[in-house]
All heavy atoms as atom14 arrays in JSON, in Angstrom:
{
  "sequence": "GATFSGFAGSIFAAKLQAITPGAFEFNVSIMLLCMVIIGGMGSIPGVI",
  "atom14_mask": [
    [1, 1, 1, 1, 0, 0, 0, 0, 0, 0, 0, 0, 0, 0],
    [1, 1, 1, 1, 1, 0, 0, 0, 0, 0, 0, 0, 0, 0],
    [1, 1, 1, 1, 1, 1, 1, 0, 0, 0, 0, 0, 0, 0],
    [1, 1, 1, 1, 1, 1, 1, 1, 1, 1, 1, 0, 0, 0],
    [1, 1, 1, 1, 1, 1, 0, 0, 0, 0, 0, 0, 0, 0],
    [1, 1, 1, 1, 0, 0, 0, 0, 0, 0, 0, 0, 0, 0],
    [1, 1, 1, 1, 1, 1, 1, 1, 1, 1, 1, 0, 0, 0],
    [1, 1, 1, 1, 1, 0, 0, 0, 0, 0, 0, 0, 0, 0],
    [1, 1, 1, 1, 0, 0, 0, 0, 0, 0, 0, 0, 0, 0],
    [1, 1, 1, 1, 1, 1, 0, 0, 0, 0, 0, 0, 0, 0],
    [1, 1, 1, 1, 1, 1, 1, 1, 0, 0, 0, 0, 0, 0],
    [1, 1, 1, 1, 1, 1, 1, 1, 1, 1, 1, 0, 0, 0],
    [1, 1, 1, 1, 1, 0, 0, 0, 0, 0, 0, 0, 0, 0],
    [1, 1, 1, 1, 1, 0, 0, 0, 0, 0, 0, 0, 0, 0],
    [1, 1, 1, 1, 1, 1, 1, 1, 1, 0, 0, 0, 0, 0],
    [1, 1, 1, 1, 1, 1, 1, 1, 0, 0, 0, 0, 0, 0],
    [1, 1, 1, 1, 1, 1, 1, 1, 1, 0, 0, 0, 0, 0],
    [1, 1, 1, 1, 1, 0, 0, 0, 0, 0, 0, 0, 0, 0],
    [1, 1, 1, 1, 1, 1, 1, 1, 0, 0, 0, 0, 0, 0],
    [1, 1, 1, 1, 1, 1, 1, 0, 0, 0, 0, 0, 0, 0],
    [1, 1, 1, 1, 1, 1, 1, 0, 0, 0, 0, 0, 0, 0],
    [1, 1, 1, 1, 0, 0, 0, 0, 0, 0, 0, 0, 0, 0],
    [1, 1, 1, 1, 1, 0, 0, 0, 0, 0, 0, 0, 0, 0],
    [1, 1, 1, 1, 1, 1, 1, 1, 1, 1, 1, 0, 0, 0],
    [1, 1, 1, 1, 1, 1, 1, 1, 1, 0, 0, 0, 0, 0],
    [1, 1, 1, 1, 1, 1, 1, 1, 1, 1, 1, 0, 0, 0],
    [1, 1, 1, 1, 1, 1, 1, 1, 0, 0, 0, 0, 0, 0],
    [1, 1, 1, 1, 1, 1, 1, 0, 0, 0, 0, 0, 0, 0],
    [1, 1, 1, 1, 1, 1, 0, 0, 0, 0, 0, 0, 0, 0],
    [1, 1, 1, 1, 1, 1, 1, 1, 0, 0, 0, 0, 0, 0],
    [1, 1, 1, 1, 1, 1, 1, 1, 0, 0, 0, 0, 0, 0],
    [1, 1, 1, 1, 1, 1, 1, 1, 0, 0, 0, 0, 0, 0],
    [1, 1, 1, 1, 1, 1, 1, 1, 0, 0, 0, 0, 0, 0],
    [1, 1, 1, 1, 1, 1, 0, 0, 0, 0, 0, 0, 0, 0],
    [1, 1, 1, 1, 1, 1, 1, 1, 0, 0, 0, 0, 0, 0],
    [1, 1, 1, 1, 1, 1, 1, 0, 0, 0, 0, 0, 0, 0],
    [1, 1, 1, 1, 1, 1, 1, 1, 0, 0, 0, 0, 0, 0],
    [1, 1, 1, 1, 1, 1, 1, 1, 0, 0, 0, 0, 0, 0],
    [1, 1, 1, 1, 0, 0, 0, 0, 0, 0, 0, 0, 0, 0],
    [1, 1, 1, 1, 0, 0, 0, 0, 0, 0, 0, 0, 0, 0],
    [1, 1, 1, 1, 1, 1, 1, 1, 0, 0, 0, 0, 0, 0],
    [1, 1, 1, 1, 0, 0, 0, 0, 0, 0, 0, 0, 0, 0],
    [1, 1, 1, 1, 1, 1, 0, 0, 0, 0, 0, 0, 0, 0],
    [1, 1, 1, 1, 1, 1, 1, 1, 0, 0, 0, 0, 0, 0],
    [1, 1, 1, 1, 1, 1, 1, 0, 0, 0, 0, 0, 0, 0],
    [1, 1, 1, 1, 0, 0, 0, 0, 0, 0, 0, 0, 0, 0],
    [1, 1, 1, 1, 1, 1, 1, 0, 0, 0, 0, 0, 0, 0],
    [1, 1, 1, 1, 1, 1, 1, 1, 0, 0, 0, 0, 0, 0]
  ],
  "atom14_positions": [
    [[136.06, 92.1, 85.34], [135.33, 91.82, 86.5], [135.87, 92.46, 87.63], [135.08, 93.01, 88.62], [0.0, 0.0, 0.0], [0.0, 0.0, 0.0], [0.0, 0.0, 0.0], [0.0, 0.0, 0.0], [0.0, 0.0, 0.0], [0.0, 0.0, 0.0], [0.0, 0.0, 0.0], [0.0, 0.0, 0.0], [0.0, 0.0, 0.0], [0.0, 0.0, 0.0]],
    [[137.25, 92.54, 87.88], [137.72, 93.24, 89.01], [137.52, 94.81, 89.01], [137.51, 95.26, 90.05], [139.21, 92.98, 89.03], [0.0, 0.0, 0.0], [0.0, 0.0, 0.0], [0.0, 0.0, 0.0], [0.0, 0.0, 0.0], [0.0, 0.0, 0.0], [0.0, 0.0, 0.0], [0.0, 0.0, 0.0], [0.0, 0.0, 0.0], [0.0, 0.0, 0.0]],
    [[137.44, 95.28, 87.68], [137.27, 96.59, 87.57], [135.86, 97.14, 88.31], [135.73, 98.11, 89.06], [137.25, 97.02, 86.14], [138.53, 96.77, 85.53], [137.02, 98.65, 85.95], [0.0, 0.0, 0.0], [0.0, 0.0, 0.0], [0.0, 0.0, 0.0], [0.0, 0.0, 0.0], [0.0, 0.0, 0.0], [0.0, 0.0, 0.0], [0.0, 0.0, 0.0]],
    [[134.85, 96.33, 87.92], [133.48, 96.63, 88.46], [133.55, 96.46, 90.05], [132.99, 97.14, 90.93], [132.43, 95.67, 87.97], [131.96, 96.12, 86.53], [132.67, 95.65, 85.43], [131.04, 97.08, 86.37], [132.21, 95.91, 84.15], [130.63, 97.37, 85.15], [131.23, 96.89, 84.0], [0.0, 0.0, 0.0], [0.0, 0.0, 0.0], [0.0, 0.0, 0.0]],
    [[134.28, 95.4, 90.49], [134.43, 95.18, 92.02], [135.23, 96.37, 92.57], [134.83, 96.74, 93.78], [135.23, 93.87, 92.19], [135.25, 93.66, 93.49], [0.0, 0.0, 0.0], [0.0, 0.0, 0.0], [0.0, 0.0, 0.0], [0.0, 0.0, 0.0], [0.0, 0.0, 0.0], [0.0, 0.0, 0.0], [0.0, 0.0, 0.0], [0.0, 0.0, 0.0]],
    [[136.17, 96.87, 91.94], [136.92, 98.09, 92.46], [136.07, 99.31, 92.6], [136.09, 100.01, 93.61], [0.0, 0.0, 0.0], [0.0, 0.0, 0.0], [0.0, 0.0, 0.0], [0.0, 0.0, 0.0], [0.0, 0.0, 0.0], [0.0, 0.0, 0.0], [0.0, 0.0, 0.0], [0.0, 0.0, 0.0], [0.0, 0.0, 0.0], [0.0, 0.0, 0.0]],
    [[135.08, 99.59, 91.61], [134.09, 100.66, 91.69], [133.21, 100.53, 92.92], [133.04, 101.35, 93.78], [133.37, 100.84, 90.45], [133.88, 101.63, 89.39], [134.28, 101.05, 88.26], [134.14, 102.96, 89.52], [134.78, 101.78, 87.22], [134.57, 103.77, 88.59], [134.99, 103.23, 87.35], [0.0, 0.0, 0.0], [0.0, 0.0, 0.0], [0.0, 0.0, 0.0]],
    [[132.75, 99.21, 93.05], [131.87, 99.03, 94.08], [132.49, 99.03, 95.56], [132.0, 99.63, 96.44], [131.19, 97.64, 94.01], [0.0, 0.0, 0.0], [0.0, 0.0, 0.0], [0.0, 0.0, 0.0], [0.0, 0.0, 0.0], [0.0, 0.0, 0.0], [0.0, 0.0, 0.0], [0.0, 0.0, 0.0], [0.0, 0.0, 0.0], [0.0, 0.0, 0.0]],
    [[133.7, 98.59, 95.6], [134.45, 98.59, 96.91], [134.85, 100.14, 97.25], [134.68, 100.38, 98.42], [0.0, 0.0, 0.0], [0.0, 0.0, 0.0], [0.0, 0.0, 0.0], [0.0, 0.0, 0.0], [0.0, 0.0, 0.0], [0.0, 0.0, 0.0], [0.0, 0.0, 0.0], [0.0, 0.0, 0.0], [0.0, 0.0, 0.0], [0.0, 0.0, 0.0]],
    [[135.19, 100.99, 96.35], [135.47, 102.31, 96.7], [134.13, 102.98, 97.18], [134.34, 103.81, 98.22], [136.03, 102.99, 95.53], [135.08, 103.09, 94.33], [0.0, 0.0, 0.0], [0.0, 0.0, 0.0], [0.0, 0.0, 0.0], [0.0, 0.0, 0.0], [0.0, 0.0, 0.0], [0.0, 0.0, 0.0], [0.0, 0.0, 0.0], [0.0, 0.0, 0.0]],
    [[133.07, 102.73, 96.62], [131.83, 103.43, 96.97], [131.48, 102.83, 98.41], [130.97, 103.61, 99.27], [130.62, 103.16, 95.95], [131.04, 103.81, 94.66], [129.31, 103.73, 96.47], [130.13, 103.61, 93.5], [0.0, 0.0, 0.0], [0.0, 0.0, 0.0], [0.0, 0.0, 0.0], [0.0, 0.0, 0.0], [0.0, 0.0, 0.0], [0.0, 0.0, 0.0]],
    [[131.56, 101.49, 98.5], [131.32, 100.95, 99.84], [132.02, 101.57, 100.97], [131.54, 101.88, 102.09], [131.54, 99.4, 99.74], [131.46, 98.56, 101.03], [130.16, 98.3, 101.45], [132.46, 98.29, 101.78], [129.93, 97.45, 102.52], [132.32, 97.62, 102.92], [131.01, 97.2, 103.42], [0.0, 0.0, 0.0], [0.0, 0.0, 0.0], [0.0, 0.0, 0.0]],
    [[133.32, 101.73, 100.77], [134.25, 102.33, 101.73], [133.78, 103.71, 102.1], [133.8, 104.21, 103.22], [135.71, 102.19, 101.35], [0.0, 0.0, 0.0], [0.0, 0.0, 0.0], [0.0, 0.0, 0.0], [0.0, 0.0, 0.0], [0.0, 0.0, 0.0], [0.0, 0.0, 0.0], [0.0, 0.0, 0.0], [0.0, 0.0, 0.0], [0.0, 0.0, 0.0]],
    [[133.52, 104.57, 101.09], [133.39, 105.99, 101.34], [131.88, 106.13, 102.01], [131.65, 106.97, 102.8], [133.18, 106.72, 99.94], [0.0, 0.0, 0.0], [0.0, 0.0, 0.0], [0.0, 0.0, 0.0], [0.0, 0.0, 0.0], [0.0, 0.0, 0.0], [0.0, 0.0, 0.0], [0.0, 0.0, 0.0], [0.0, 0.0, 0.0], [0.0, 0.0, 0.0]],
    [[130.94, 105.14, 101.63], [129.59, 105.24, 102.19], [129.61, 104.79, 103.65], [129.02, 105.54, 104.46], [128.83, 104.19, 101.45], [127.28, 104.22, 101.91], [126.45, 103.34, 100.95], [124.94, 103.28, 101.34], [124.78, 102.45, 102.55], [0.0, 0.0, 0.0], [0.0, 0.0, 0.0], [0.0, 0.0, 0.0], [0.0, 0.0, 0.0], [0.0, 0.0, 0.0]],
    [[130.41, 103.78, 104.09], [130.63, 103.42, 105.51], [131.4, 104.35, 106.32], [131.3, 104.45, 107.56], [131.03, 101.93, 105.59], [130.13, 100.83, 105.17], [130.85, 99.58, 105.48], [128.8, 100.97, 105.97], [0.0, 0.0, 0.0], [0.0, 0.0, 0.0], [0.0, 0.0, 0.0], [0.0, 0.0, 0.0], [0.0, 0.0, 0.0], [0.0, 0.0, 0.0]],
    [[132.37, 105.03, 105.59], [133.38, 105.9, 106.15], [134.37, 105.13, 107.03], [135.2, 105.79, 107.76], [132.65, 106.98, 107.06], [132.01, 107.94, 106.15], [131.51, 109.23, 107.04], [130.51, 109.16, 107.69], [132.24, 110.31, 107.07], [0.0, 0.0, 0.0], [0.0, 0.0, 0.0], [0.0, 0.0, 0.0], [0.0, 0.0, 0.0], [0.0, 0.0, 0.0]],
    [[134.28, 103.84, 107.08], [135.19, 103.01, 107.81], [135.16, 101.54, 107.2], [134.11, 101.1, 106.87], [134.88, 102.97, 109.32], [0.0, 0.0, 0.0], [0.0, 0.0, 0.0], [0.0, 0.0, 0.0], [0.0, 0.0, 0.0], [0.0, 0.0, 0.0], [0.0, 0.0, 0.0], [0.0, 0.0, 0.0], [0.0, 0.0, 0.0], [0.0, 0.0, 0.0]],
    [[136.37, 100.94, 107.08], [136.43, 99.61, 106.67], [137.36, 98.69, 107.52], [138.37, 99.22, 108.07], [136.94, 99.45, 105.14], [138.15, 100.34, 104.94], [135.82, 99.8, 104.26], [138.84, 100.15, 103.6], [0.0, 0.0, 0.0], [0.0, 0.0, 0.0], [0.0, 0.0, 0.0], [0.0, 0.0, 0.0], [0.0, 0.0, 0.0], [0.0, 0.0, 0.0]],
    [[137.02, 97.47, 107.65], [137.97, 96.48, 108.45], [138.15, 95.31, 107.56], [137.26, 95.04, 106.7], [137.14, 96.22, 109.82], [135.88, 95.56, 109.54], [137.07, 97.36, 110.62], [0.0, 0.0, 0.0], [0.0, 0.0, 0.0], [0.0, 0.0, 0.0], [0.0, 0.0, 0.0], [0.0, 0.0, 0.0], [0.0, 0.0, 0.0], [0.0, 0.0, 0.0]],
    [[139.08, 94.54, 107.79], [139.3, 93.28, 107.03], [138.16, 92.25, 107.03], [137.88, 91.38, 106.18], [140.53, 92.62, 107.58], [141.29, 93.78, 108.29], [140.18, 94.69, 108.72], [0.0, 0.0, 0.0], [0.0, 0.0, 0.0], [0.0, 0.0, 0.0], [0.0, 0.0, 0.0], [0.0, 0.0, 0.0], [0.0, 0.0, 0.0], [0.0, 0.0, 0.0]],
    [[137.42, 92.17, 108.29], [136.3, 91.37, 108.37], [135.22, 91.51, 107.42], [134.37, 90.45, 107.32], [0.0, 0.0, 0.0], [0.0, 0.0, 0.0], [0.0, 0.0, 0.0], [0.0, 0.0, 0.0], [0.0, 0.0, 0.0], [0.0, 0.0, 0.0], [0.0, 0.0, 0.0], [0.0, 0.0, 0.0], [0.0, 0.0, 0.0], [0.0, 0.0, 0.0]],
    [[135.14, 92.62, 106.76], [134.01, 92.83, 105.81], [134.32, 92.2, 104.39], [133.35, 92.27, 103.54], [133.89, 94.42, 105.66], [0.0, 0.0, 0.0], [0.0, 0.0, 0.0], [0.0, 0.0, 0.0], [0.0, 0.0, 0.0], [0.0, 0.0, 0.0], [0.0, 0.0, 0.0], [0.0, 0.0, 0.0], [0.0, 0.0, 0.0], [0.0, 0.0, 0.0]],
    [[135.41, 91.56, 104.3], [135.7, 90.94, 102.94], [136.22, 89.51, 103.11], [137.06, 89.01, 102.39], [136.92, 91.82, 102.27], [136.62, 93.43, 102.36], [137.25, 94.09, 103.26], [135.73, 93.9, 101.45], [136.95, 95.53, 103.36], [135.41, 95.27, 101.55], [136.17, 95.93, 102.44], [0.0, 0.0, 0.0], [0.0, 0.0, 0.0], [0.0, 0.0, 0.0]],
    [[135.6, 88.74, 103.97], [136.0, 87.31, 104.29], [135.31, 86.46, 103.0], [134.66, 87.0, 102.19], [135.51, 86.92, 105.52], [136.04, 87.69, 106.67], [137.55, 87.34, 107.03], [137.98, 86.47, 106.29], [138.17, 88.01, 107.75], [0.0, 0.0, 0.0], [0.0, 0.0, 0.0], [0.0, 0.0, 0.0], [0.0, 0.0, 0.0], [0.0, 0.0, 0.0]],
    [[135.59, 85.26, 103.21], [135.26, 84.29, 102.21], [133.69, 84.24, 102.03], [133.18, 83.93, 100.93], [135.67, 82.81, 102.63], [135.23, 81.79, 101.82], [135.6, 81.65, 100.44], [134.42, 80.76, 102.28], [135.19, 80.69, 99.7], [134.13, 79.66, 101.49], [134.34, 79.63, 100.19], [0.0, 0.0, 0.0], [0.0, 0.0, 0.0], [0.0, 0.0, 0.0]],
    [[132.95, 84.52, 103.14], [131.57, 84.33, 102.98], [130.95, 85.49, 102.04], [129.85, 85.23, 101.44], [130.8, 84.56, 104.34], [131.26, 85.75, 105.06], [132.0, 86.58, 104.57], [130.71, 85.97, 106.25], [0.0, 0.0, 0.0], [0.0, 0.0, 0.0], [0.0, 0.0, 0.0], [0.0, 0.0, 0.0], [0.0, 0.0, 0.0], [0.0, 0.0, 0.0]],
    [[131.67, 86.64, 101.84], [131.15, 87.53, 100.81], [131.12, 86.89, 99.51], [130.23, 87.12, 98.6], [131.94, 88.85, 101.01], [131.56, 89.84, 99.89], [131.81, 89.46, 102.48], [0.0, 0.0, 0.0], [0.0, 0.0, 0.0], [0.0, 0.0, 0.0], [0.0, 0.0, 0.0], [0.0, 0.0, 0.0], [0.0, 0.0, 0.0], [0.0, 0.0, 0.0]],
    [[132.27, 86.37, 99.08], [132.48, 85.65, 97.82], [131.34, 84.65, 97.6], [130.77, 84.49, 96.51], [133.84, 84.97, 97.69], [134.88, 85.84, 97.74], [0.0, 0.0, 0.0], [0.0, 0.0, 0.0], [0.0, 0.0, 0.0], [0.0, 0.0, 0.0], [0.0, 0.0, 0.0], [0.0, 0.0, 0.0], [0.0, 0.0, 0.0], [0.0, 0.0, 0.0]],
    [[130.97, 83.85, 98.59], [130.03, 82.93, 98.44], [128.65, 83.52, 98.23], [127.86, 83.01, 97.43], [129.9, 81.95, 99.64], [131.31, 81.16, 99.74], [128.87, 81.01, 99.56], [131.55, 80.34, 98.55], [0.0, 0.0, 0.0], [0.0, 0.0, 0.0], [0.0, 0.0, 0.0], [0.0, 0.0, 0.0], [0.0, 0.0, 0.0], [0.0, 0.0, 0.0]],
    [[128.42, 84.68, 99.1], [127.03, 85.28, 98.85], [126.94, 85.81, 97.43], [125.91, 85.79, 96.81], [126.9, 86.44, 99.87], [125.56, 87.15, 99.81], [125.37, 88.17, 101.15], [126.45, 89.64, 100.6], [0.0, 0.0, 0.0], [0.0, 0.0, 0.0], [0.0, 0.0, 0.0], [0.0, 0.0, 0.0], [0.0, 0.0, 0.0], [0.0, 0.0, 0.0]],
    [[128.0, 86.39, 96.92], [127.95, 86.92, 95.53], [127.82, 85.84, 94.56], [126.99, 86.04, 93.48], [129.35, 87.77, 95.22], [129.52, 89.08, 96.08], [130.82, 89.48, 95.71], [128.43, 90.02, 95.66], [0.0, 0.0, 0.0], [0.0, 0.0, 0.0], [0.0, 0.0, 0.0], [0.0, 0.0, 0.0], [0.0, 0.0, 0.0], [0.0, 0.0, 0.0]],
    [[128.36, 84.66, 94.75], [128.3, 83.47, 93.85], [126.81, 83.06, 93.97], [126.26, 82.67, 92.86], [129.2, 82.45, 94.37], [129.41, 81.28, 93.24], [129.86, 81.84, 91.96], [130.32, 80.24, 93.82], [0.0, 0.0, 0.0], [0.0, 0.0, 0.0], [0.0, 0.0, 0.0], [0.0, 0.0, 0.0], [0.0, 0.0, 0.0], [0.0, 0.0, 0.0]],
    [[126.23, 83.02, 95.06], [124.85, 82.66, 95.23], [123.94, 83.57, 94.51], [122.89, 83.19, 93.82], [124.31, 82.72, 96.67], [125.16, 81.28, 97.68], [0.0, 0.0, 0.0], [0.0, 0.0, 0.0], [0.0, 0.0, 0.0], [0.0, 0.0, 0.0], [0.0, 0.0, 0.0], [0.0, 0.0, 0.0], [0.0, 0.0, 0.0], [0.0, 0.0, 0.0]],
    [[124.17, 84.99, 94.43], [123.42, 85.88, 93.64], [123.49, 85.55, 92.23], [122.37, 85.56, 91.55], [123.95, 87.26, 93.83], [123.71, 87.85, 95.4], [124.58, 89.57, 95.44], [124.38, 89.66, 97.06], [0.0, 0.0, 0.0], [0.0, 0.0, 0.0], [0.0, 0.0, 0.0], [0.0, 0.0, 0.0], [0.0, 0.0, 0.0], [0.0, 0.0, 0.0]],
    [[124.65, 85.12, 91.73], [124.72, 84.87, 90.31], [124.1, 83.52, 90.0], [123.36, 83.53, 88.98], [126.29, 84.83, 89.9], [126.33, 84.42, 88.31], [126.82, 86.12, 89.99], [0.0, 0.0, 0.0], [0.0, 0.0, 0.0], [0.0, 0.0, 0.0], [0.0, 0.0, 0.0], [0.0, 0.0, 0.0], [0.0, 0.0, 0.0], [0.0, 0.0, 0.0]],
    [[124.23, 82.6, 90.79], [123.64, 81.31, 90.47], [122.08, 81.22, 90.53], [121.44, 80.77, 89.72], [124.24, 80.29, 91.42], [125.76, 80.0, 91.07], [123.57, 78.88, 91.16], [126.46, 79.09, 91.88], [0.0, 0.0, 0.0], [0.0, 0.0, 0.0], [0.0, 0.0, 0.0], [0.0, 0.0, 0.0], [0.0, 0.0, 0.0], [0.0, 0.0, 0.0]],
    [[121.63, 81.87, 91.71], [120.19, 81.92, 91.91], [119.51, 82.84, 90.96], [118.49, 82.42, 90.4], [119.86, 82.45, 93.34], [120.36, 81.31, 94.37], [118.39, 82.71, 93.58], [120.16, 81.7, 95.88], [0.0, 0.0, 0.0], [0.0, 0.0, 0.0], [0.0, 0.0, 0.0], [0.0, 0.0, 0.0], [0.0, 0.0, 0.0], [0.0, 0.0, 0.0]],
    [[120.18, 83.94, 90.52], [119.47, 84.83, 89.59], [119.53, 84.18, 88.21], [118.57, 84.25, 87.36], [0.0, 0.0, 0.0], [0.0, 0.0, 0.0], [0.0, 0.0, 0.0], [0.0, 0.0, 0.0], [0.0, 0.0, 0.0], [0.0, 0.0, 0.0], [0.0, 0.0, 0.0], [0.0, 0.0, 0.0], [0.0, 0.0, 0.0], [0.0, 0.0, 0.0]],
    [[120.65, 83.62, 87.81], [120.71, 83.06, 86.45], [122.03, 83.37, 85.85], [122.29, 84.69, 85.47], [0.0, 0.0, 0.0], [0.0, 0.0, 0.0], [0.0, 0.0, 0.0], [0.0, 0.0, 0.0], [0.0, 0.0, 0.0], [0.0, 0.0, 0.0], [0.0, 0.0, 0.0], [0.0, 0.0, 0.0], [0.0, 0.0, 0.0], [0.0, 0.0, 0.0]],
    [[123.09, 82.47, 85.76], [124.45, 82.82, 85.26], [124.38, 83.27, 83.84], [123.66, 82.66, 83.03], [125.3, 81.59, 85.34], [125.63, 81.31, 86.81], [127.07, 80.01, 86.88], [126.23, 78.54, 86.13], [0.0, 0.0, 0.0], [0.0, 0.0, 0.0], [0.0, 0.0, 0.0], [0.0, 0.0, 0.0], [0.0, 0.0, 0.0], [0.0, 0.0, 0.0]],
    [[124.97, 84.37, 83.55], [124.97, 84.94, 82.15], [123.77, 85.84, 81.92], [123.76, 86.49, 80.78], [0.0, 0.0, 0.0], [0.0, 0.0, 0.0], [0.0, 0.0, 0.0], [0.0, 0.0, 0.0], [0.0, 0.0, 0.0], [0.0, 0.0, 0.0], [0.0, 0.0, 0.0], [0.0, 0.0, 0.0], [0.0, 0.0, 0.0], [0.0, 0.0, 0.0]],
    [[122.79, 85.98, 82.75], [121.61, 86.77, 82.61], [121.66, 88.03, 83.31], [121.77, 87.93, 84.61], [120.32, 86.0, 83.05], [119.24, 86.8, 83.04], [0.0, 0.0, 0.0], [0.0, 0.0, 0.0], [0.0, 0.0, 0.0], [0.0, 0.0, 0.0], [0.0, 0.0, 0.0], [0.0, 0.0, 0.0], [0.0, 0.0, 0.0], [0.0, 0.0, 0.0]],
    [[121.75, 89.14, 82.72], [121.84, 90.48, 83.42], [120.53, 90.66, 84.31], [120.68, 91.08, 85.56], [122.05, 91.61, 82.5], [123.4, 91.38, 81.77], [122.01, 92.98, 83.17], [123.75, 92.42, 80.62], [0.0, 0.0, 0.0], [0.0, 0.0, 0.0], [0.0, 0.0, 0.0], [0.0, 0.0, 0.0], [0.0, 0.0, 0.0], [0.0, 0.0, 0.0]],
    [[119.39, 90.47, 83.7], [118.2, 90.71, 84.63], [118.16, 89.63, 85.72], [117.74, 89.92, 86.82], [117.04, 90.46, 83.68], [117.66, 90.7, 82.32], [118.99, 90.31, 82.34], [0.0, 0.0, 0.0], [0.0, 0.0, 0.0], [0.0, 0.0, 0.0], [0.0, 0.0, 0.0], [0.0, 0.0, 0.0], [0.0, 0.0, 0.0], [0.0, 0.0, 0.0]],
    [[118.61, 88.4, 85.47], [118.68, 87.51, 86.54], [119.72, 87.78, 87.66], [119.24, 87.6, 88.78], [0.0, 0.0, 0.0], [0.0, 0.0, 0.0], [0.0, 0.0, 0.0], [0.0, 0.0, 0.0], [0.0, 0.0, 0.0], [0.0, 0.0, 0.0], [0.0, 0.0, 0.0], [0.0, 0.0, 0.0], [0.0, 0.0, 0.0], [0.0, 0.0, 0.0]],
    [[120.8, 88.26, 87.3], [121.84, 88.67, 88.44], [121.33, 89.74, 89.17], [121.43, 89.82, 90.39], [123.17, 88.95, 87.64], [124.03, 89.52, 88.65], [123.81, 87.69, 87.06], [0.0, 0.0, 0.0], [0.0, 0.0, 0.0], [0.0, 0.0, 0.0], [0.0, 0.0, 0.0], [0.0, 0.0, 0.0], [0.0, 0.0, 0.0], [0.0, 0.0, 0.0]],
    [[120.68, 90.78, 88.61], [120.2, 91.88, 89.27], [119.03, 91.37, 90.34], [119.01, 91.65, 91.41], [119.54, 92.93, 88.29], [120.72, 93.64, 87.4], [118.73, 93.97, 89.12], [120.15, 94.52, 86.31], [0.0, 0.0, 0.0], [0.0, 0.0, 0.0], [0.0, 0.0, 0.0], [0.0, 0.0, 0.0], [0.0, 0.0, 0.0], [0.0, 0.0, 0.0]]
  ]
}
């Protein structure tokens, strides 16, 4: 799970060309958790 997050984080940083600590606060974890729960835990089409 952390490997996929590392890929996404590296692309995110290069795309923005700048990163700050405020972009990785607790609310980001909650938003990602909402995506998984609302889409359907364990369902790949659901998470997408």
